[in-house]
Amino acid sequence: MKVTPNIICSEFIGTEAKIAQSPNQNYKGITGKVTDETKNTFTILHNGKTKHVIKEAAVFHFTYSDGTTVEIDGKLLTGRPEDRLKKTIKRLW
């Protein structure tokens, strides 16, 4: 998978997620498959239980099926998933 700035416009349901950093100590160590996404949260299946993680309060590592791992700040992912898919990204270079 080619990683571009447009990666934040992609769909995250079904990908493996890991919380890399968070000021909330309860979020650290959560890993699992993303099962749902809302405007402000991801629902992650962790050890057979669903955990709701606020997007703004974490930095995520997403692992895709081909083994590609990307780190994305949750602040970039806030917003409704269907609106984020339509959003265009301005390049800074």
N, C-alpha and C. Protein backbone atom coordinates (compact mmCIF):
# COMPACT_ATOMS: atom_id res chain seq x y z
N MET A 1 0.84 -1.18 0.00
CA MET A 1 0.00 0.00 0.00
C MET A 1 0.89 1.24 0.00
N LYS A 2 0.57 2.17 -0.87
CA LYS A 2 1.32 3.41 -0.95
C LYS A 2 0.75 4.39 0.08
N VAL A 3 1.60 4.90 0.93
CA VAL A 3 1.16 5.82 1.98
C VAL A 3 1.31 7.25 1.47
N THR A 4 0.19 7.96 1.42
CA THR A 4 0.15 9.35 0.97
C THR A 4 -0.62 10.17 2.00
N PRO A 5 -0.60 11.49 1.89
CA PRO A 5 -1.40 12.30 2.82
C PRO A 5 -2.89 11.99 2.77
N ASN A 6 -3.36 11.40 1.67
CA ASN A 6 -4.77 11.06 1.55
C ASN A 6 -5.17 9.88 2.42
N ILE A 7 -4.23 9.31 3.16
CA ILE A 7 -4.52 8.14 4.00
C ILE A 7 -5.58 8.49 5.06
N ILE A 8 -5.65 9.76 5.47
CA ILE A 8 -6.64 10.13 6.49
C ILE A 8 -8.05 10.15 5.92
N CYS A 9 -8.18 10.10 4.60
CA CYS A 9 -9.50 10.04 3.98
C CYS A 9 -9.98 8.61 3.79
N SER A 10 -9.17 7.64 4.14
CA SER A 10 -9.53 6.24 3.91
C SER A 10 -10.44 5.71 5.01
N GLU A 11 -10.94 4.53 4.79
CA GLU A 11 -11.81 3.84 5.74
C GLU A 11 -10.96 3.07 6.75
N PHE A 12 -11.28 3.17 8.04
CA PHE A 12 -10.49 2.51 9.07
C PHE A 12 -11.20 1.31 9.69
N ILE A 13 -12.47 1.11 9.41
CA ILE A 13 -13.18 -0.04 9.96
C ILE A 13 -12.59 -1.30 9.35
N GLY A 14 -12.20 -2.24 10.20
CA GLY A 14 -11.61 -3.49 9.76
C GLY A 14 -10.10 -3.51 9.85
N THR A 15 -9.47 -2.38 10.12
CA THR A 15 -8.01 -2.36 10.25
C THR A 15 -7.61 -2.62 11.69
N GLU A 16 -6.38 -3.09 11.87
CA GLU A 16 -5.83 -3.29 13.21
C GLU A 16 -5.33 -1.95 13.72
N ALA A 17 -5.70 -1.61 14.95
CA ALA A 17 -5.31 -0.33 15.53
C ALA A 17 -4.60 -0.56 16.86
N LYS A 18 -3.68 0.33 17.16
CA LYS A 18 -2.98 0.32 18.44
C LYS A 18 -2.86 1.76 18.90
N ILE A 19 -3.09 1.99 20.18
CA ILE A 19 -2.92 3.33 20.73
C ILE A 19 -1.44 3.52 21.04
N ALA A 20 -0.79 4.43 20.32
CA ALA A 20 0.64 4.66 20.50
C ALA A 20 0.91 5.63 21.63
N GLN A 21 0.13 6.71 21.70
CA GLN A 21 0.29 7.72 22.74
C GLN A 21 -1.07 8.25 23.13
N SER A 22 -1.19 8.62 24.39
CA SER A 22 -2.42 9.25 24.86
C SER A 22 -2.19 9.85 26.24
N PRO A 23 -2.74 11.02 26.49
CA PRO A 23 -2.65 11.57 27.84
C PRO A 23 -3.53 10.78 28.83
N ASN A 24 -4.51 10.04 28.31
CA ASN A 24 -5.37 9.21 29.14
C ASN A 24 -4.68 7.86 29.34
N GLN A 25 -4.31 7.56 30.56
CA GLN A 25 -3.58 6.32 30.86
C GLN A 25 -4.41 5.07 30.58
N ASN A 26 -5.73 5.18 30.59
CA ASN A 26 -6.59 4.02 30.33
C ASN A 26 -6.54 3.58 28.87
N TYR A 27 -6.14 4.45 27.96
CA TYR A 27 -6.10 4.12 26.54
C TYR A 27 -4.82 3.39 26.14
N LYS A 28 -3.75 3.58 26.88
CA LYS A 28 -2.47 2.99 26.50
C LYS A 28 -2.55 1.47 26.54
N GLY A 29 -2.03 0.83 25.49
CA GLY A 29 -2.03 -0.61 25.41
C GLY A 29 -3.23 -1.22 24.74
N ILE A 30 -4.20 -0.40 24.34
CA ILE A 30 -5.37 -0.94 23.64
C ILE A 30 -4.97 -1.27 22.22
N THR A 31 -5.18 -2.51 21.83
CA THR A 31 -4.92 -2.95 20.46
C THR A 31 -6.09 -3.81 20.01
N GLY A 32 -6.34 -3.83 18.74
CA GLY A 32 -7.41 -4.68 18.21
C GLY A 32 -7.95 -4.14 16.92
N LYS A 33 -9.02 -4.75 16.47
CA LYS A 33 -9.64 -4.40 15.20
C LYS A 33 -10.67 -3.28 15.42
N VAL A 34 -10.65 -2.29 14.53
CA VAL A 34 -11.64 -1.21 14.57
C VAL A 34 -12.96 -1.78 14.07
N THR A 35 -13.99 -1.72 14.92
CA THR A 35 -15.29 -2.29 14.54
C THR A 35 -16.31 -1.23 14.19
N ASP A 36 -16.12 0.00 14.67
CA ASP A 36 -17.07 1.07 14.38
C ASP A 36 -16.36 2.40 14.52
N GLU A 37 -16.92 3.41 13.87
CA GLU A 37 -16.35 4.74 13.93
C GLU A 37 -17.48 5.76 13.94
N THR A 38 -17.39 6.72 14.84
CA THR A 38 -18.33 7.82 14.88
C THR A 38 -17.56 9.11 14.68
N LYS A 39 -18.24 10.23 14.85
CA LYS A 39 -17.60 11.52 14.64
C LYS A 39 -16.38 11.72 15.53
N ASN A 40 -16.47 11.31 16.78
CA ASN A 40 -15.41 11.58 17.74
C ASN A 40 -14.75 10.35 18.34
N THR A 41 -15.22 9.13 18.00
CA THR A 41 -14.67 7.94 18.64
C THR A 41 -14.42 6.80 17.65
N PHE A 42 -13.51 5.93 18.04
CA PHE A 42 -13.33 4.63 17.39
C PHE A 42 -13.78 3.58 18.40
N THR A 43 -14.43 2.52 17.93
CA THR A 43 -14.74 1.37 18.75
C THR A 43 -13.78 0.27 18.35
N ILE A 44 -12.97 -0.19 19.32
CA ILE A 44 -11.94 -1.18 19.06
C ILE A 44 -12.25 -2.43 19.85
N LEU A 45 -12.20 -3.59 19.18
CA LEU A 45 -12.41 -4.88 19.84
C LEU A 45 -11.08 -5.30 20.45
N HIS A 46 -10.98 -5.24 21.78
CA HIS A 46 -9.74 -5.51 22.51
C HIS A 46 -9.99 -6.64 23.50
N ASN A 47 -9.36 -7.79 23.28
CA ASN A 47 -9.50 -8.96 24.16
C ASN A 47 -10.95 -9.37 24.35
N GLY A 48 -11.73 -9.34 23.29
CA GLY A 48 -13.12 -9.77 23.35
C GLY A 48 -14.08 -8.73 23.89
N LYS A 49 -13.60 -7.57 24.26
CA LYS A 49 -14.45 -6.48 24.76
C LYS A 49 -14.31 -5.28 23.86
N THR A 50 -15.39 -4.51 23.74
CA THR A 50 -15.32 -3.30 22.93
C THR A 50 -14.87 -2.14 23.80
N LYS A 51 -13.94 -1.37 23.26
CA LYS A 51 -13.42 -0.18 23.94
C LYS A 51 -13.70 1.01 23.03
N HIS A 52 -14.22 2.09 23.61
CA HIS A 52 -14.47 3.32 22.88
C HIS A 52 -13.32 4.28 23.17
N VAL A 53 -12.64 4.72 22.12
CA VAL A 53 -11.48 5.59 22.26
C VAL A 53 -11.79 6.92 21.58
N ILE A 54 -11.62 8.00 22.31
CA ILE A 54 -11.84 9.33 21.74
C ILE A 54 -10.68 9.64 20.80
N LYS A 55 -11.01 10.05 19.58
CA LYS A 55 -10.00 10.28 18.55
C LYS A 55 -9.00 11.36 18.94
N GLU A 56 -9.49 12.48 19.46
CA GLU A 56 -8.61 13.60 19.79
C GLU A 56 -7.62 13.29 20.89
N ALA A 57 -7.90 12.26 21.68
CA ALA A 57 -7.08 11.97 22.85
C ALA A 57 -6.05 10.87 22.60
N ALA A 58 -5.72 10.59 21.34
CA ALA A 58 -4.79 9.49 21.09
C ALA A 58 -4.07 9.66 19.76
N VAL A 59 -2.93 9.00 19.68
CA VAL A 59 -2.20 8.83 18.43
C VAL A 59 -2.28 7.34 18.11
N PHE A 60 -2.70 7.02 16.88
CA PHE A 60 -2.99 5.65 16.50
C PHE A 60 -1.93 5.09 15.56
N HIS A 61 -1.67 3.79 15.68
CA HIS A 61 -0.91 3.03 14.69
C HIS A 61 -1.91 2.11 14.02
N PHE A 62 -2.12 2.28 12.73
CA PHE A 62 -3.03 1.42 11.97
C PHE A 62 -2.20 0.47 11.12
N THR A 63 -2.54 -0.82 11.17
CA THR A 63 -1.85 -1.83 10.37
C THR A 63 -2.84 -2.37 9.35
N TYR A 64 -2.48 -2.26 8.08
CA TYR A 64 -3.34 -2.73 6.99
C TYR A 64 -3.03 -4.18 6.66
N SER A 65 -3.86 -4.78 5.83
CA SER A 65 -3.75 -6.21 5.52
C SER A 65 -2.44 -6.57 4.83
N ASP A 66 -1.81 -5.63 4.14
CA ASP A 66 -0.54 -5.93 3.47
C ASP A 66 0.67 -5.72 4.38
N GLY A 67 0.43 -5.39 5.64
CA GLY A 67 1.51 -5.22 6.60
C GLY A 67 1.98 -3.79 6.78
N THR A 68 1.44 -2.86 6.03
CA THR A 68 1.81 -1.46 6.15
C THR A 68 1.27 -0.89 7.46
N THR A 69 2.14 -0.22 8.21
CA THR A 69 1.73 0.42 9.46
C THR A 69 1.93 1.92 9.32
N VAL A 70 0.90 2.69 9.67
CA VAL A 70 0.98 4.15 9.64
C VAL A 70 0.61 4.71 10.99
N GLU A 71 1.23 5.83 11.34
CA GLU A 71 0.91 6.53 12.59
C GLU A 71 0.15 7.78 12.23
N ILE A 72 -1.02 7.95 12.86
CA ILE A 72 -1.87 9.10 12.56
C ILE A 72 -2.35 9.70 13.88
N ASP A 73 -2.23 11.02 13.97
CA ASP A 73 -2.75 11.72 15.14
C ASP A 73 -4.27 11.74 15.03
N GLY A 74 -4.94 11.40 16.11
CA GLY A 74 -6.39 11.34 16.10
C GLY A 74 -7.07 12.66 15.82
N LYS A 75 -6.38 13.77 16.07
CA LYS A 75 -6.96 15.08 15.79
C LYS A 75 -7.24 15.26 14.30
N LEU A 76 -6.47 14.59 13.46
CA LEU A 76 -6.69 14.67 12.01
C LEU A 76 -7.89 13.84 11.57
N LEU A 77 -8.34 12.93 12.42
CA LEU A 77 -9.40 12.00 12.06
C LEU A 77 -10.77 12.40 12.58
N THR A 78 -10.86 13.48 13.35
CA THR A 78 -12.16 13.87 13.89
C THR A 78 -13.07 14.31 12.77
N GLY A 79 -14.32 14.04 12.94
CA GLY A 79 -15.32 14.33 11.93
C GLY A 79 -16.03 13.06 11.53
N ARG A 80 -17.18 13.22 10.93
CA ARG A 80 -17.94 12.05 10.51
C ARG A 80 -17.18 11.31 9.41
N PRO A 81 -17.17 9.99 9.48
CA PRO A 81 -16.40 9.20 8.49
C PRO A 81 -16.81 9.49 7.05
N GLU A 82 -18.10 9.62 6.81
CA GLU A 82 -18.56 9.85 5.44
C GLU A 82 -18.14 11.22 4.92
N ASP A 83 -18.03 12.21 5.81
CA ASP A 83 -17.56 13.53 5.39
C ASP A 83 -16.05 13.53 5.18
N ARG A 84 -15.34 12.78 5.99
CA ARG A 84 -13.89 12.71 5.87
C ARG A 84 -13.48 12.05 4.55
N LEU A 85 -14.30 11.11 4.05
CA LEU A 85 -14.00 10.46 2.78
C LEU A 85 -14.09 11.44 1.61
N LYS A 86 -14.93 12.46 1.74
CA LYS A 86 -15.12 13.44 0.68
C LYS A 86 -14.12 14.60 0.75
N LYS A 87 -13.44 14.74 1.88
CA LYS A 87 -12.57 15.88 2.12
C LYS A 87 -11.33 15.83 1.23
N THR A 88 -10.92 16.99 0.74
CA THR A 88 -9.67 17.09 -0.01
C THR A 88 -8.59 17.60 0.91
N ILE A 89 -7.38 17.14 0.68
CA ILE A 89 -6.24 17.47 1.53
C ILE A 89 -5.34 18.45 0.79
N LYS A 90 -5.00 19.56 1.47
CA LYS A 90 -4.04 20.49 0.90
C LYS A 90 -2.64 20.00 1.21
N ARG A 91 -1.82 19.96 0.22
CA ARG A 91 -0.42 19.56 0.41
C ARG A 91 0.39 20.76 0.83
N LEU A 92 1.29 20.55 1.75
CA LEU A 92 2.11 21.62 2.27
C LEU A 92 3.46 21.69 1.58
N TRP A 93 3.73 20.85 0.60
CA TRP A 93 5.01 20.88 -0.10
C TRP A 93 4.81 20.96 -1.57
